[in-house]
Amino acid sequence: MRAVVKADAAGPSGISGAVMDQRAFGPERASRAVREYLEGIEAAGRPERQRKHISTTDPAAEWTCAPGGPAFFAYSTHYLVDVRYGVSVDVEAPSAHRTKEVDATRTMSDRVEHRFAIKPRRLIGDLAYGSAGLLDWMVHDKAIEPHVPLWDKTQRTDSTISSSECHWSAKDHEYRCPQH
């Protein structure tokens, strides 16, 4: 289960990640905590310059319009719930970014298994949990039965080949796709 929670960061205080190199976000404009946070994630190899909008007061928050309204800085709370007993066994609150949300699922599952010796048998979630990487982790690494809608990208609208264009060759035991 997850919910989007508005961060205590005003939208107008945000800047583009691209201008970080142009000293628009220098020592004179940022608090020490914000500077240290950004220096740490840059040193860890997370390219914050690729982010479209970064809060100068809470850079860990993510700019999102996930609930369908105007965009704002937010976190996404995730709860690992024992559905049989209706009890939350863990919570994680990453920024509202799909990759970080997927990582939160892994973190919670591993943490509950380590702390309480509880290993989830099934995972129920929305479309965000239906990515190939997370499904692979659930099924092959953790033996968790997924109950999530699949992230279907079989029909392509870009210049790549859609899976419907490929055909199974029983004789050769392989899929054959047209050459582009």
Protein backbone atom coordinates (compact mmCIF):
# COMPACT_ATOMS: atom_id res chain seq x y z
CA MET A 1 0.00 0.00 0.00
CA ARG A 2 1.31 3.48 -0.75
CA ALA A 3 0.28 7.12 -0.45
CA VAL A 4 1.75 10.37 -1.73
CA VAL A 5 2.56 12.86 1.05
CA LYS A 6 3.26 16.51 0.32
CA ALA A 7 6.73 17.59 1.45
CA ASP A 8 7.25 20.73 3.49
CA ALA A 9 8.93 22.44 0.53
CA ALA A 10 7.48 25.29 -1.51
CA GLY A 11 7.38 24.82 -5.28
CA PRO A 12 8.81 28.29 -6.01
CA SER A 13 11.91 27.41 -3.97
CA GLY A 14 12.81 24.75 -6.53
CA ILE A 15 15.47 25.02 -9.19
CA SER A 16 16.34 22.96 -12.25
CA GLY A 17 18.98 20.29 -11.75
CA ALA A 18 20.65 21.55 -14.92
CA VAL A 19 21.56 24.90 -13.33
CA MET A 20 23.41 23.37 -10.41
CA ASP A 21 26.66 23.60 -12.41
CA GLN A 22 26.07 27.29 -13.09
CA ARG A 23 26.42 28.26 -9.41
CA ALA A 24 22.72 29.11 -9.20
CA PHE A 25 22.68 26.79 -6.22
CA GLY A 26 25.86 27.88 -4.49
CA PRO A 27 26.85 28.27 -0.85
CA GLU A 28 25.24 31.69 -0.60
CA ARG A 29 21.79 30.31 -1.44
CA ALA A 30 21.72 26.90 0.24
CA SER A 31 21.81 25.85 3.86
CA ARG A 32 24.72 23.72 5.02
CA ALA A 33 22.45 20.67 5.32
CA VAL A 34 21.20 21.03 1.75
CA ARG A 35 24.74 21.54 0.39
CA GLU A 36 25.99 18.45 2.24
CA TYR A 37 23.05 16.38 1.01
CA LEU A 38 23.64 17.36 -2.62
CA GLU A 39 27.40 16.85 -2.34
CA GLY A 40 26.80 13.39 -0.88
CA ILE A 41 24.46 12.21 -3.60
CA GLU A 42 26.69 13.67 -6.31
CA ALA A 43 29.68 11.81 -4.78
CA ALA A 44 27.62 8.61 -4.73
CA GLY A 45 27.06 8.91 -8.45
CA ARG A 46 23.42 10.02 -8.44
CA PRO A 47 23.24 12.66 -11.16
CA GLU A 48 20.94 15.22 -9.59
CA ARG A 49 21.53 17.43 -12.63
CA GLN A 50 19.12 15.18 -14.51
CA ARG A 51 16.25 16.10 -12.20
CA LYS A 52 13.91 18.74 -13.60
CA HIS A 53 13.07 20.40 -10.29
CA ILE A 54 15.01 20.30 -6.99
CA SER A 55 13.83 21.92 -3.77
CA THR A 56 16.39 24.23 -2.21
CA THR A 57 14.91 23.50 1.23
CA ASP A 58 14.25 19.74 0.93
CA PRO A 59 16.29 18.30 -1.97
CA ALA A 60 15.33 14.70 -1.11
CA ALA A 61 11.68 15.43 -2.00
CA GLU A 62 10.64 14.69 -5.58
CA TRP A 63 8.65 17.01 -7.86
CA THR A 64 5.52 15.07 -8.83
CA CYS A 65 1.96 15.39 -10.02
CA ALA A 66 1.22 11.75 -9.09
CA PRO A 67 -2.26 12.37 -7.64
CA GLY A 68 -3.29 13.97 -10.95
CA GLY A 69 -3.30 17.62 -9.91
CA PRO A 70 -0.74 20.39 -10.07
CA ALA A 71 2.85 19.29 -9.34
CA PHE A 72 4.40 19.63 -5.88
CA PHE A 73 7.34 18.25 -3.88
CA ALA A 74 6.46 14.95 -2.24
CA TYR A 75 7.39 11.66 -0.65
CA SER A 76 5.61 8.38 -1.21
CA THR A 77 4.86 6.35 1.89
CA HIS A 78 4.81 2.59 1.45
CA TYR A 79 3.40 0.13 3.95
CA LEU A 80 4.09 -3.59 4.17
CA VAL A 81 0.83 -4.96 5.52
CA ASP A 82 0.01 -8.43 6.75
CA VAL A 83 -3.37 -8.67 5.01
CA ARG A 84 -4.48 -11.70 7.03
CA TYR A 85 -4.32 -9.75 10.30
CA GLY A 86 -4.56 -6.19 8.95
CA VAL A 87 -1.32 -5.10 10.62
CA SER A 88 1.35 -2.82 9.16
CA VAL A 89 4.67 -4.58 9.71
CA ASP A 90 6.92 -1.96 8.09
CA VAL A 91 6.90 1.46 6.47
CA GLU A 92 9.29 3.27 4.14
CA ALA A 93 8.96 6.84 2.84
CA PRO A 94 11.19 7.45 -0.19
CA SER A 95 10.78 10.45 -2.46
CA ALA A 96 7.94 10.08 -4.95
CA HIS A 97 10.02 8.55 -7.74
CA ARG A 98 9.21 5.15 -9.26
CA THR A 99 12.75 3.73 -8.92
CA LYS A 100 12.98 4.74 -5.28
CA GLU A 101 9.51 3.36 -4.61
CA VAL A 102 10.51 -0.02 -6.08
CA ASP A 103 13.64 -0.01 -3.91
CA ALA A 104 11.43 0.66 -0.87
CA THR A 105 9.56 -2.59 -1.54
CA ARG A 106 12.81 -4.53 -1.51
CA THR A 107 14.02 -2.71 1.61
CA MET A 108 10.84 -3.40 3.57
CA SER A 109 10.68 -7.06 2.57
CA ASP A 110 14.32 -7.68 3.48
CA ARG A 111 14.02 -5.72 6.74
CA VAL A 112 10.93 -7.61 7.92
CA GLU A 113 12.51 -10.93 7.02
CA HIS A 114 15.69 -10.03 8.94
CA ARG A 115 14.04 -8.41 12.00
CA PHE A 116 10.99 -10.58 12.49
CA ALA A 117 11.70 -13.74 10.46
CA ILE A 118 8.56 -12.99 8.43
CA LYS A 119 8.84 -13.75 4.74
CA PRO A 120 6.01 -12.49 2.55
CA ARG A 121 4.42 -15.20 0.42
CA ARG A 122 2.42 -12.76 -1.72
CA LEU A 123 2.77 -9.11 -2.64
CA ILE A 124 -0.29 -7.07 -3.55
CA GLY A 125 0.28 -3.76 -5.25
CA ASP A 126 -0.66 -1.35 -8.02
CA LEU A 127 0.91 -0.81 -11.44
CA ALA A 128 4.09 0.66 -9.94
CA TYR A 129 4.92 -2.84 -8.65
CA GLY A 130 4.45 -4.43 -12.10
CA SER A 131 7.85 -3.55 -13.57
CA ALA A 132 9.98 -6.37 -14.98
CA GLY A 133 12.83 -5.77 -12.54
CA LEU A 134 10.66 -5.92 -9.43
CA LEU A 135 8.69 -8.92 -10.71
CA ASP A 136 11.95 -10.77 -11.41
CA TRP A 137 13.16 -10.01 -7.89
CA MET A 138 9.84 -11.12 -6.35
CA VAL A 139 9.55 -14.39 -8.26
CA HIS A 140 13.15 -15.53 -8.71
CA ASP A 141 15.05 -14.00 -5.80
CA LYS A 142 12.44 -14.02 -3.04
CA ALA A 143 9.85 -16.61 -4.18
CA ILE A 144 7.06 -14.10 -3.57
CA GLU A 145 3.84 -14.57 -5.55
CA PRO A 146 3.01 -11.23 -7.23
CA HIS A 147 -0.57 -9.96 -7.28
CA VAL A 148 0.03 -6.82 -9.33
CA PRO A 149 -1.02 -5.53 -12.75
CA LEU A 150 1.78 -5.86 -15.29
CA TRP A 151 3.58 -2.89 -16.75
CA ASP A 152 2.80 -3.72 -20.38
CA LYS A 153 5.18 -2.19 -22.89
CA THR A 154 4.64 -4.72 -25.67
CA GLN A 155 3.10 -2.22 -28.08
CA ARG A 156 5.67 0.43 -28.90
CA THR A 157 5.01 3.93 -30.22
CA ASP A 158 8.65 4.87 -30.65
CA SER A 159 11.04 3.48 -33.28
CA THR A 160 11.53 0.14 -31.50
CA ILE A 161 9.85 -3.15 -32.45
CA SER A 162 6.57 -4.13 -30.76
CA SER A 163 6.30 -7.72 -29.57
CA SER A 164 3.26 -8.21 -31.82
CA GLU A 165 5.58 -7.76 -34.82
CA CYS A 166 7.61 -10.81 -33.78
CA HIS A 167 6.51 -14.37 -34.53
CA TRP A 168 7.41 -17.68 -32.94
CA SER A 169 9.32 -20.13 -35.11
CA ALA A 170 8.52 -23.59 -33.73
CA LYS A 171 11.06 -25.15 -36.07
CA ASP A 172 13.94 -23.01 -34.75
CA HIS A 173 12.58 -22.59 -31.20
CA GLU A 174 12.94 -18.79 -31.33
CA TYR A 175 11.07 -15.57 -31.94
CA ARG A 176 11.70 -13.90 -35.28
CA CYS A 177 11.40 -10.13 -35.50
CA PRO A 178 11.48 -7.97 -38.63
CA GLN A 179 14.66 -6.06 -39.36
CA HIS A 180 14.37 -2.31 -39.17
